[in-house]
Amino acid sequence: MGLFNKRKNYTYSLAIDGMRCSMCEAHINDVVRKNFNIKKVKSSHLKNNTTIISLEQLDINKLKEVIKSTGYEVLKVEVKINEWVCLYNYRYILNFCMYFFRIFICILL
């Protein structure tokens, strides 16, 4: 067991035609949430885009079909993979710090 763990998520930026109001945004957000296991979705009718953050890779063709079935058209899809390193287990780190703290105290005494 290591101290650090690599993780990644996927950010999908979709250019969508047909959104006119905030209800259009909500409609797209709801259909994406119902059909995919995602972390976050945000749409903007002013910018004509939707951003989806997911911990797993999504099927782009299914994503296009789901949005097209609601009456909107996906013009472009961009995928960005974000990787980061996070602390693996806080208990492991706490034990590690306590061990060195005890050694430090013993040296001082």
C-alpha atoms as a PDB file:
ATOM      1  CA  MET A   1       0.000   0.000   0.000  1.00  0.00           C
ATOM      2  CA  GLY A   2       1.494   3.290  -1.077  1.00  0.00           C
ATOM      3  CA  LEU A   3       1.078   6.766   0.237  1.00  0.00           C
ATOM      4  CA  PHE A   4      -0.320   8.205  -3.005  1.00  0.00           C
ATOM      5  CA  ASN A   5      -2.966   6.993  -5.431  1.00  0.00           C
ATOM      6  CA  LYS A   6      -3.387   8.099  -9.049  1.00  0.00           C
ATOM      7  CA  ARG A   7      -6.904   9.054 -10.053  1.00  0.00           C
ATOM      8  CA  LYS A   8      -8.444  10.462 -13.167  1.00  0.00           C
ATOM      9  CA  ASN A   9     -11.700  11.889 -14.394  1.00  0.00           C
ATOM     10  CA  TYR A  10     -13.060  12.766 -17.792  1.00  0.00           C
ATOM     11  CA  THR A  11     -14.364  16.184 -18.773  1.00  0.00           C
ATOM     12  CA  TYR A  12     -16.668  16.254 -21.784  1.00  0.00           C
ATOM     13  CA  SER A  13     -17.382  19.599 -23.441  1.00  0.00           C
ATOM     14  CA  LEU A  14     -20.329  19.441 -25.826  1.00  0.00           C
ATOM     15  CA  ALA A  15     -21.394  22.143 -28.266  1.00  0.00           C
ATOM     16  CA  ILE A  16     -25.188  21.854 -28.469  1.00  0.00           C
ATOM     17  CA  ASP A  17     -27.583  23.555 -30.849  1.00  0.00           C
ATOM     18  CA  GLY A  18     -31.174  24.274 -29.886  1.00  0.00           C
ATOM     19  CA  MET A  19     -30.971  25.441 -26.283  1.00  0.00           C
ATOM     20  CA  ARG A  20     -32.984  28.641 -25.838  1.00  0.00           C
ATOM     21  CA  CYS A  21     -33.654  28.985 -22.092  1.00  0.00           C
ATOM     22  CA  SER A  22     -32.823  27.660 -18.639  1.00  0.00           C
ATOM     23  CA  MET A  23     -35.467  24.934 -18.982  1.00  0.00           C
ATOM     24  CA  CYS A  24     -33.555  23.619 -21.998  1.00  0.00           C
ATOM     25  CA  GLU A  25     -30.464  23.446 -19.793  1.00  0.00           C
ATOM     26  CA  ALA A  26     -32.381  21.538 -17.108  1.00  0.00           C
ATOM     27  CA  HIS A  27     -33.830  19.167 -19.698  1.00  0.00           C
ATOM     28  CA  ILE A  28     -30.385  18.238 -21.016  1.00  0.00           C
ATOM     29  CA  ASN A  29     -28.910  17.961 -17.513  1.00  0.00           C
ATOM     30  CA  ASP A  30     -31.725  15.646 -16.394  1.00  0.00           C
ATOM     31  CA  VAL A  31     -31.465  13.322 -19.377  1.00  0.00           C
ATOM     32  CA  VAL A  32     -27.684  13.040 -18.982  1.00  0.00           C
ATOM     33  CA  ARG A  33     -27.999  12.275 -15.253  1.00  0.00           C
ATOM     34  CA  LYS A  34     -30.637   9.609 -15.903  1.00  0.00           C
ATOM     35  CA  ASN A  35     -28.625   7.778 -18.567  1.00  0.00           C
ATOM     36  CA  PHE A  36     -25.051   8.011 -17.269  1.00  0.00           C
ATOM     37  CA  ASN A  37     -23.205   7.626 -13.998  1.00  0.00           C
ATOM     38  CA  ILE A  38     -21.626  11.068 -13.775  1.00  0.00           C
ATOM     39  CA  LYS A  39     -20.171  13.317 -11.119  1.00  0.00           C
ATOM     40  CA  LYS A  40     -21.374  16.690 -12.441  1.00  0.00           C
ATOM     41  CA  VAL A  41     -23.179  18.215 -15.417  1.00  0.00           C
ATOM     42  CA  LYS A  42     -23.647  21.889 -16.244  1.00  0.00           C
ATOM     43  CA  SER A  43     -25.300  23.446 -19.289  1.00  0.00           C
ATOM     44  CA  SER A  44     -25.469  26.995 -20.610  1.00  0.00           C
ATOM     45  CA  HIS A  45     -28.006  28.149 -23.185  1.00  0.00           C
ATOM     46  CA  LEU A  46     -26.061  31.417 -23.557  1.00  0.00           C
ATOM     47  CA  LYS A  47     -22.848  29.625 -24.527  1.00  0.00           C
ATOM     48  CA  ASN A  48     -24.644  26.691 -26.211  1.00  0.00           C
ATOM     49  CA  ASN A  49     -22.545  24.134 -24.371  1.00  0.00           C
ATOM     50  CA  THR A  50     -22.743  21.389 -21.787  1.00  0.00           C
ATOM     51  CA  THR A  51     -19.888  20.239 -19.568  1.00  0.00           C
ATOM     52  CA  ILE A  52     -19.942  16.756 -18.048  1.00  0.00           C
ATOM     53  CA  ILE A  53     -17.488  15.446 -15.465  1.00  0.00           C
ATOM     54  CA  SER A  54     -17.343  11.700 -14.995  1.00  0.00           C
ATOM     55  CA  LEU A  55     -15.066   9.287 -13.161  1.00  0.00           C
ATOM     56  CA  GLU A  56     -15.465   6.763 -15.953  1.00  0.00           C
ATOM     57  CA  GLN A  57     -15.319   7.011 -19.713  1.00  0.00           C
ATOM     58  CA  LEU A  58     -18.671   7.616 -21.419  1.00  0.00           C
ATOM     59  CA  ASP A  59     -19.893   6.227 -24.717  1.00  0.00           C
ATOM     60  CA  ILE A  60     -19.912   9.309 -26.948  1.00  0.00           C
ATOM     61  CA  ASN A  61     -22.289   7.812 -29.508  1.00  0.00           C
ATOM     62  CA  LYS A  62     -24.823   6.970 -26.787  1.00  0.00           C
ATOM     63  CA  LEU A  63     -24.381  10.462 -25.333  1.00  0.00           C
ATOM     64  CA  LYS A  64     -25.175  12.019 -28.729  1.00  0.00           C
ATOM     65  CA  GLU A  65     -28.202   9.757 -29.201  1.00  0.00           C
ATOM     66  CA  VAL A  66     -29.610  10.535 -25.756  1.00  0.00           C
ATOM     67  CA  ILE A  67     -29.322  14.283 -26.301  1.00  0.00           C
ATOM     68  CA  LYS A  68     -30.662  14.031 -29.872  1.00  0.00           C
ATOM     69  CA  SER A  69     -33.725  12.139 -28.581  1.00  0.00           C
ATOM     70  CA  THR A  70     -34.635  15.239 -26.535  1.00  0.00           C
ATOM     71  CA  GLY A  71     -34.644  17.463 -29.632  1.00  0.00           C
ATOM     72  CA  TYR A  72     -31.205  19.048 -29.386  1.00  0.00           C
ATOM     73  CA  GLU A  73     -28.258  18.504 -31.694  1.00  0.00           C
ATOM     74  CA  VAL A  74     -24.699  17.824 -30.536  1.00  0.00           C
ATOM     75  CA  LEU A  75     -22.371  19.711 -32.873  1.00  0.00           C
ATOM     76  CA  LYS A  76     -19.020  18.931 -31.293  1.00  0.00           C
ATOM     77  CA  VAL A  77     -17.587  16.806 -28.462  1.00  0.00           C
ATOM     78  CA  GLU A  78     -14.225  17.414 -26.776  1.00  0.00           C
ATOM     79  CA  VAL A  79     -12.847  15.033 -24.169  1.00  0.00           C
ATOM     80  CA  LYS A  80     -10.178  15.977 -21.661  1.00  0.00           C
ATOM     81  CA  ILE A  81      -8.621  13.437 -19.290  1.00  0.00           C
ATOM     82  CA  ASN A  82      -7.564  14.922 -15.953  1.00  0.00           C
ATOM     83  CA  GLU A  83      -5.110  12.929 -13.849  1.00  0.00           C
ATOM     84  CA  TRP A  84      -4.034  13.796 -10.347  1.00  0.00           C
ATOM     85  CA  VAL A  85      -2.373  12.189  -7.372  1.00  0.00           C
ATOM     86  CA  CYS A  86      -4.255  12.059  -4.108  1.00  0.00           C
ATOM     87  CA  LEU A  87      -3.455  10.825  -0.641  1.00  0.00           C
ATOM     88  CA  TYR A  88      -4.257   7.143  -0.527  1.00  0.00           C
ATOM     89  CA  ASN A  89      -5.480   6.605   2.984  1.00  0.00           C
ATOM     90  CA  TYR A  90      -5.691   9.156   5.753  1.00  0.00           C
ATOM     91  CA  ARG A  91      -5.167   6.502   8.455  1.00  0.00           C
ATOM     92  CA  TYR A  92      -1.942   5.407   6.830  1.00  0.00           C
ATOM     93  CA  ILE A  93      -0.738   9.013   6.767  1.00  0.00           C
ATOM     94  CA  LEU A  94      -1.841   9.612  10.368  1.00  0.00           C
ATOM     95  CA  ASN A  95       0.055   6.530  11.578  1.00  0.00           C
ATOM     96  CA  PHE A  96       3.075   7.615   9.564  1.00  0.00           C
ATOM     97  CA  CYS A  97       3.048  11.090  11.169  1.00  0.00           C
ATOM     98  CA  MET A  98       2.486   9.732  14.681  1.00  0.00           C
ATOM     99  CA  TYR A  99       5.439   7.374  14.279  1.00  0.00           C
ATOM    100  CA  PHE A 100       7.796  10.226  13.430  1.00  0.00           C
ATOM    101  CA  PHE A 101       6.281  12.426  16.129  1.00  0.00           C
ATOM    102  CA  ARG A 102       7.069   9.753  18.733  1.00  0.00           C
ATOM    103  CA  ILE A 103      10.625   9.488  17.479  1.00  0.00           C
ATOM    104  CA  PHE A 104      11.001  13.273  17.626  1.00  0.00           C
ATOM    105  CA  ILE A 105       9.677  13.379  21.225  1.00  0.00           C
ATOM    106  CA  CYS A 106      12.027  10.571  22.263  1.00  0.00           C
ATOM    107  CA  ILE A 107      14.991  12.460  20.835  1.00  0.00           C
ATOM    108  CA  LEU A 108      14.050  15.628  22.708  1.00  0.00           C
ATOM    109  CA  LEU A 109      13.656  13.842  26.033  1.00  0.00           C
END
